């Protein structure tokens, strides 16, 4: 099962994680907040189950090989002029 995460709010991470749904986003350097989120996932079974199911669903919906590989193949055809 996919595991929800606690990640900093930088780069492309906010585009990958729906805060509070399939992971948590905290400010860079806020180690206490990140640690608290991890502890909440480890101690709240319902939260962990809900968020891990949402994380798996998001991964399957947006990043499955059936979806991604055809996009790469199309890109390669365009780049190679095929």
N, C-alpha and C. Protein backbone atom coordinates (compact mmCIF):
# COMPACT_ATOMS: atom_id res chain seq x y z
N UNK A 1 0.85 -1.17 0.00
CA UNK A 1 0.00 0.00 0.00
C UNK A 1 0.89 1.23 0.00
N UNK A 2 0.50 2.25 -0.73
CA UNK A 2 1.27 3.49 -0.76
C UNK A 2 1.26 4.13 0.61
N UNK A 3 2.33 4.78 0.93
CA UNK A 3 2.46 5.37 2.26
C UNK A 3 2.39 6.89 2.16
N UNK A 4 1.49 7.53 2.88
CA UNK A 4 1.45 8.99 2.86
C UNK A 4 2.74 9.54 3.45
N UNK A 5 3.07 10.76 3.06
CA UNK A 5 4.34 11.33 3.47
C UNK A 5 4.15 12.70 4.09
N UNK A 6 5.20 13.13 4.74
CA UNK A 6 5.29 14.51 5.20
C UNK A 6 6.47 15.13 4.48
N UNK A 7 6.21 16.08 3.61
CA UNK A 7 7.22 16.66 2.74
C UNK A 7 7.23 18.18 2.88
N UNK A 8 8.37 18.81 2.54
CA UNK A 8 8.40 20.28 2.55
C UNK A 8 7.60 20.85 1.39
N UNK A 9 7.14 22.07 1.55
CA UNK A 9 6.35 22.77 0.54
C UNK A 9 7.27 23.44 -0.47
N UNK A 10 8.06 22.69 -1.21
CA UNK A 10 8.98 23.28 -2.16
C UNK A 10 8.96 22.51 -3.47
N UNK A 11 9.52 23.14 -4.52
CA UNK A 11 9.64 22.50 -5.81
C UNK A 11 8.30 22.00 -6.32
N UNK A 12 8.30 20.82 -6.90
CA UNK A 12 7.08 20.25 -7.44
C UNK A 12 6.28 19.44 -6.45
N UNK A 13 6.76 19.33 -5.23
CA UNK A 13 6.09 18.49 -4.23
C UNK A 13 4.63 18.90 -4.02
N UNK A 14 4.30 20.20 -3.89
CA UNK A 14 2.89 20.56 -3.68
C UNK A 14 1.98 20.14 -4.84
N UNK A 15 2.55 19.94 -6.01
CA UNK A 15 1.75 19.49 -7.15
C UNK A 15 1.49 17.99 -7.11
N UNK A 16 2.26 17.27 -6.32
CA UNK A 16 2.13 15.82 -6.22
C UNK A 16 1.30 15.37 -5.03
N UNK A 17 1.28 16.17 -3.99
CA UNK A 17 0.62 15.78 -2.74
C UNK A 17 -0.55 16.71 -2.48
N UNK A 18 -1.70 16.11 -2.20
CA UNK A 18 -2.88 16.87 -1.78
C UNK A 18 -2.83 16.93 -0.26
N UNK A 19 -2.40 18.05 0.27
CA UNK A 19 -2.14 18.19 1.70
C UNK A 19 -3.32 17.76 2.54
N UNK A 20 -3.06 16.81 3.45
CA UNK A 20 -4.09 16.32 4.35
C UNK A 20 -4.94 15.22 3.75
N UNK A 21 -4.76 14.94 2.45
CA UNK A 21 -5.54 13.88 1.80
C UNK A 21 -4.67 12.66 1.55
N UNK A 22 -3.56 12.84 0.80
CA UNK A 22 -2.70 11.70 0.50
C UNK A 22 -1.26 11.93 0.98
N UNK A 23 -1.10 12.92 1.81
CA UNK A 23 0.19 13.25 2.40
C UNK A 23 0.08 14.56 3.15
N UNK A 24 1.18 14.99 3.70
CA UNK A 24 1.21 16.26 4.41
C UNK A 24 2.31 17.14 3.82
N UNK A 25 2.08 18.43 3.82
CA UNK A 25 3.08 19.41 3.40
C UNK A 25 3.37 20.34 4.56
N UNK A 26 4.63 20.51 4.84
CA UNK A 26 5.06 21.42 5.90
C UNK A 26 6.10 22.38 5.34
N UNK A 27 6.32 23.46 6.03
CA UNK A 27 7.30 24.44 5.59
C UNK A 27 8.72 23.88 5.75
N UNK A 28 9.60 24.29 4.84
CA UNK A 28 10.99 23.85 4.89
C UNK A 28 11.59 24.20 6.24
N UNK A 29 12.26 23.22 6.82
CA UNK A 29 12.93 23.43 8.09
C UNK A 29 12.05 23.25 9.31
N UNK A 30 10.75 23.07 9.12
CA UNK A 30 9.85 22.89 10.27
C UNK A 30 9.84 21.42 10.66
N UNK A 31 10.95 21.01 11.23
CA UNK A 31 11.15 19.61 11.59
C UNK A 31 10.13 19.16 12.63
N UNK A 32 9.78 20.03 13.54
CA UNK A 32 8.80 19.67 14.57
C UNK A 32 7.44 19.35 13.95
N UNK A 33 7.00 20.14 13.00
CA UNK A 33 5.72 19.88 12.33
C UNK A 33 5.79 18.60 11.52
N UNK A 34 6.91 18.39 10.81
CA UNK A 34 7.06 17.17 10.03
C UNK A 34 7.04 15.94 10.95
N UNK A 35 7.74 16.03 12.06
CA UNK A 35 7.78 14.92 13.02
C UNK A 35 6.40 14.66 13.60
N UNK A 36 5.67 15.72 13.91
CA UNK A 36 4.32 15.55 14.46
C UNK A 36 3.40 14.84 13.47
N UNK A 37 3.54 15.17 12.19
CA UNK A 37 2.72 14.51 11.17
C UNK A 37 3.05 13.04 11.08
N UNK A 38 4.33 12.71 11.12
CA UNK A 38 4.74 11.31 11.06
C UNK A 38 4.20 10.56 12.27
N UNK A 39 4.32 11.17 13.45
CA UNK A 39 3.80 10.54 14.67
C UNK A 39 2.30 10.32 14.54
N UNK A 40 1.57 11.30 13.98
CA UNK A 40 0.12 11.13 13.83
C UNK A 40 -0.21 9.95 12.92
N UNK A 41 0.58 9.77 11.87
CA UNK A 41 0.35 8.62 10.98
C UNK A 41 0.66 7.30 11.67
N UNK A 42 1.66 7.31 12.53
CA UNK A 42 2.05 6.08 13.22
C UNK A 42 1.12 5.73 14.38
N UNK A 43 0.41 6.70 14.91
CA UNK A 43 -0.41 6.45 16.09
C UNK A 43 -1.91 6.46 15.81
N UNK A 44 -2.32 6.95 14.65
CA UNK A 44 -3.75 7.02 14.31
C UNK A 44 -4.01 6.08 13.13
N UNK A 45 -4.44 4.88 13.46
CA UNK A 45 -4.62 3.86 12.42
C UNK A 45 -5.64 4.28 11.36
N UNK A 46 -6.73 4.92 11.77
CA UNK A 46 -7.75 5.35 10.80
C UNK A 46 -7.17 6.39 9.84
N UNK A 47 -6.40 7.34 10.38
CA UNK A 47 -5.76 8.36 9.54
C UNK A 47 -4.80 7.70 8.57
N UNK A 48 -3.97 6.80 9.07
CA UNK A 48 -3.01 6.10 8.21
C UNK A 48 -3.73 5.33 7.11
N UNK A 49 -4.76 4.58 7.45
CA UNK A 49 -5.48 3.79 6.46
C UNK A 49 -6.13 4.68 5.40
N UNK A 50 -6.75 5.76 5.84
CA UNK A 50 -7.41 6.68 4.90
C UNK A 50 -6.39 7.34 3.97
N UNK A 51 -5.32 7.85 4.55
CA UNK A 51 -4.33 8.56 3.74
C UNK A 51 -3.54 7.62 2.84
N UNK A 52 -3.21 6.43 3.33
CA UNK A 52 -2.46 5.50 2.48
C UNK A 52 -3.32 5.02 1.32
N UNK A 53 -4.61 4.82 1.54
CA UNK A 53 -5.51 4.44 0.44
C UNK A 53 -5.60 5.58 -0.58
N UNK A 54 -5.68 6.82 -0.10
CA UNK A 54 -5.74 7.97 -1.00
C UNK A 54 -4.43 8.12 -1.78
N UNK A 55 -3.30 7.88 -1.13
CA UNK A 55 -2.00 7.98 -1.79
C UNK A 55 -1.86 6.91 -2.88
N UNK A 56 -2.30 5.71 -2.57
CA UNK A 56 -2.25 4.63 -3.58
C UNK A 56 -3.15 4.96 -4.76
N UNK A 57 -4.35 5.45 -4.47
CA UNK A 57 -5.29 5.81 -5.53
C UNK A 57 -4.69 6.90 -6.43
N UNK A 58 -4.11 7.92 -5.82
CA UNK A 58 -3.50 9.01 -6.59
C UNK A 58 -2.36 8.49 -7.46
N UNK A 59 -1.53 7.61 -6.91
CA UNK A 59 -0.41 7.06 -7.68
C UNK A 59 -0.92 6.24 -8.85
N UNK A 60 -1.92 5.41 -8.62
CA UNK A 60 -2.46 4.59 -9.70
C UNK A 60 -3.15 5.44 -10.76
N UNK A 61 -3.84 6.48 -10.33
CA UNK A 61 -4.58 7.34 -11.25
C UNK A 61 -3.67 8.21 -12.11
N UNK A 62 -2.61 8.73 -11.53
CA UNK A 62 -1.77 9.70 -12.22
C UNK A 62 -0.44 9.16 -12.73
N UNK A 63 0.06 8.08 -12.17
CA UNK A 63 1.43 7.66 -12.47
C UNK A 63 1.56 6.19 -12.85
N UNK A 64 0.48 5.55 -13.23
CA UNK A 64 0.57 4.14 -13.61
C UNK A 64 1.35 4.00 -14.91
N UNK A 65 2.00 2.86 -15.09
CA UNK A 65 2.75 2.63 -16.32
C UNK A 65 1.85 2.67 -17.55
N UNK A 66 0.60 2.23 -17.40
CA UNK A 66 -0.33 2.26 -18.54
C UNK A 66 -0.59 3.69 -19.00
N UNK A 67 -0.46 4.64 -18.12
CA UNK A 67 -0.67 6.05 -18.44
C UNK A 67 0.63 6.72 -18.88
N UNK A 68 1.70 6.48 -18.17
CA UNK A 68 2.95 7.20 -18.38
C UNK A 68 3.72 6.71 -19.61
N UNK A 69 3.82 5.41 -19.81
CA UNK A 69 4.62 4.90 -20.93
C UNK A 69 4.12 5.40 -22.28
N UNK A 70 2.82 5.39 -22.57
CA UNK A 70 2.38 5.96 -23.85
C UNK A 70 2.75 7.44 -24.01
N UNK A 71 2.78 8.19 -22.93
CA UNK A 71 3.17 9.60 -23.01
C UNK A 71 4.65 9.72 -23.38
N UNK A 72 5.49 8.89 -22.78
CA UNK A 72 6.91 8.89 -23.14
C UNK A 72 7.10 8.47 -24.59
N UNK A 73 6.39 7.44 -25.00
CA UNK A 73 6.52 6.97 -26.37
C UNK A 73 6.13 8.07 -27.36
N UNK A 74 5.05 8.78 -27.08
CA UNK A 74 4.63 9.88 -27.95
C UNK A 74 5.67 10.99 -27.97
N UNK A 75 6.20 11.30 -26.82
CA UNK A 75 7.24 12.33 -26.74
C UNK A 75 8.46 11.92 -27.57
N UNK A 76 8.91 10.67 -27.44
CA UNK A 76 10.06 10.20 -28.21
C UNK A 76 9.78 10.25 -29.70
N UNK A 77 8.57 9.90 -30.12
CA UNK A 77 8.22 9.98 -31.54
C UNK A 77 8.30 11.43 -32.03
N UNK A 78 7.82 12.35 -31.22
CA UNK A 78 7.87 13.78 -31.60
C UNK A 78 9.31 14.27 -31.67
N UNK A 79 10.12 13.92 -30.69
CA UNK A 79 11.50 14.38 -30.66
C UNK A 79 12.31 13.78 -31.81
N UNK A 80 12.04 12.52 -32.13
CA UNK A 80 12.78 11.85 -33.20
C UNK A 80 12.18 12.12 -34.58
N UNK A 81 11.07 12.82 -34.63
CA UNK A 81 10.44 13.14 -35.91
C UNK A 81 9.80 11.94 -36.59
N UNK A 82 9.33 11.00 -35.80
CA UNK A 82 8.70 9.80 -36.37
C UNK A 82 7.21 9.97 -36.54
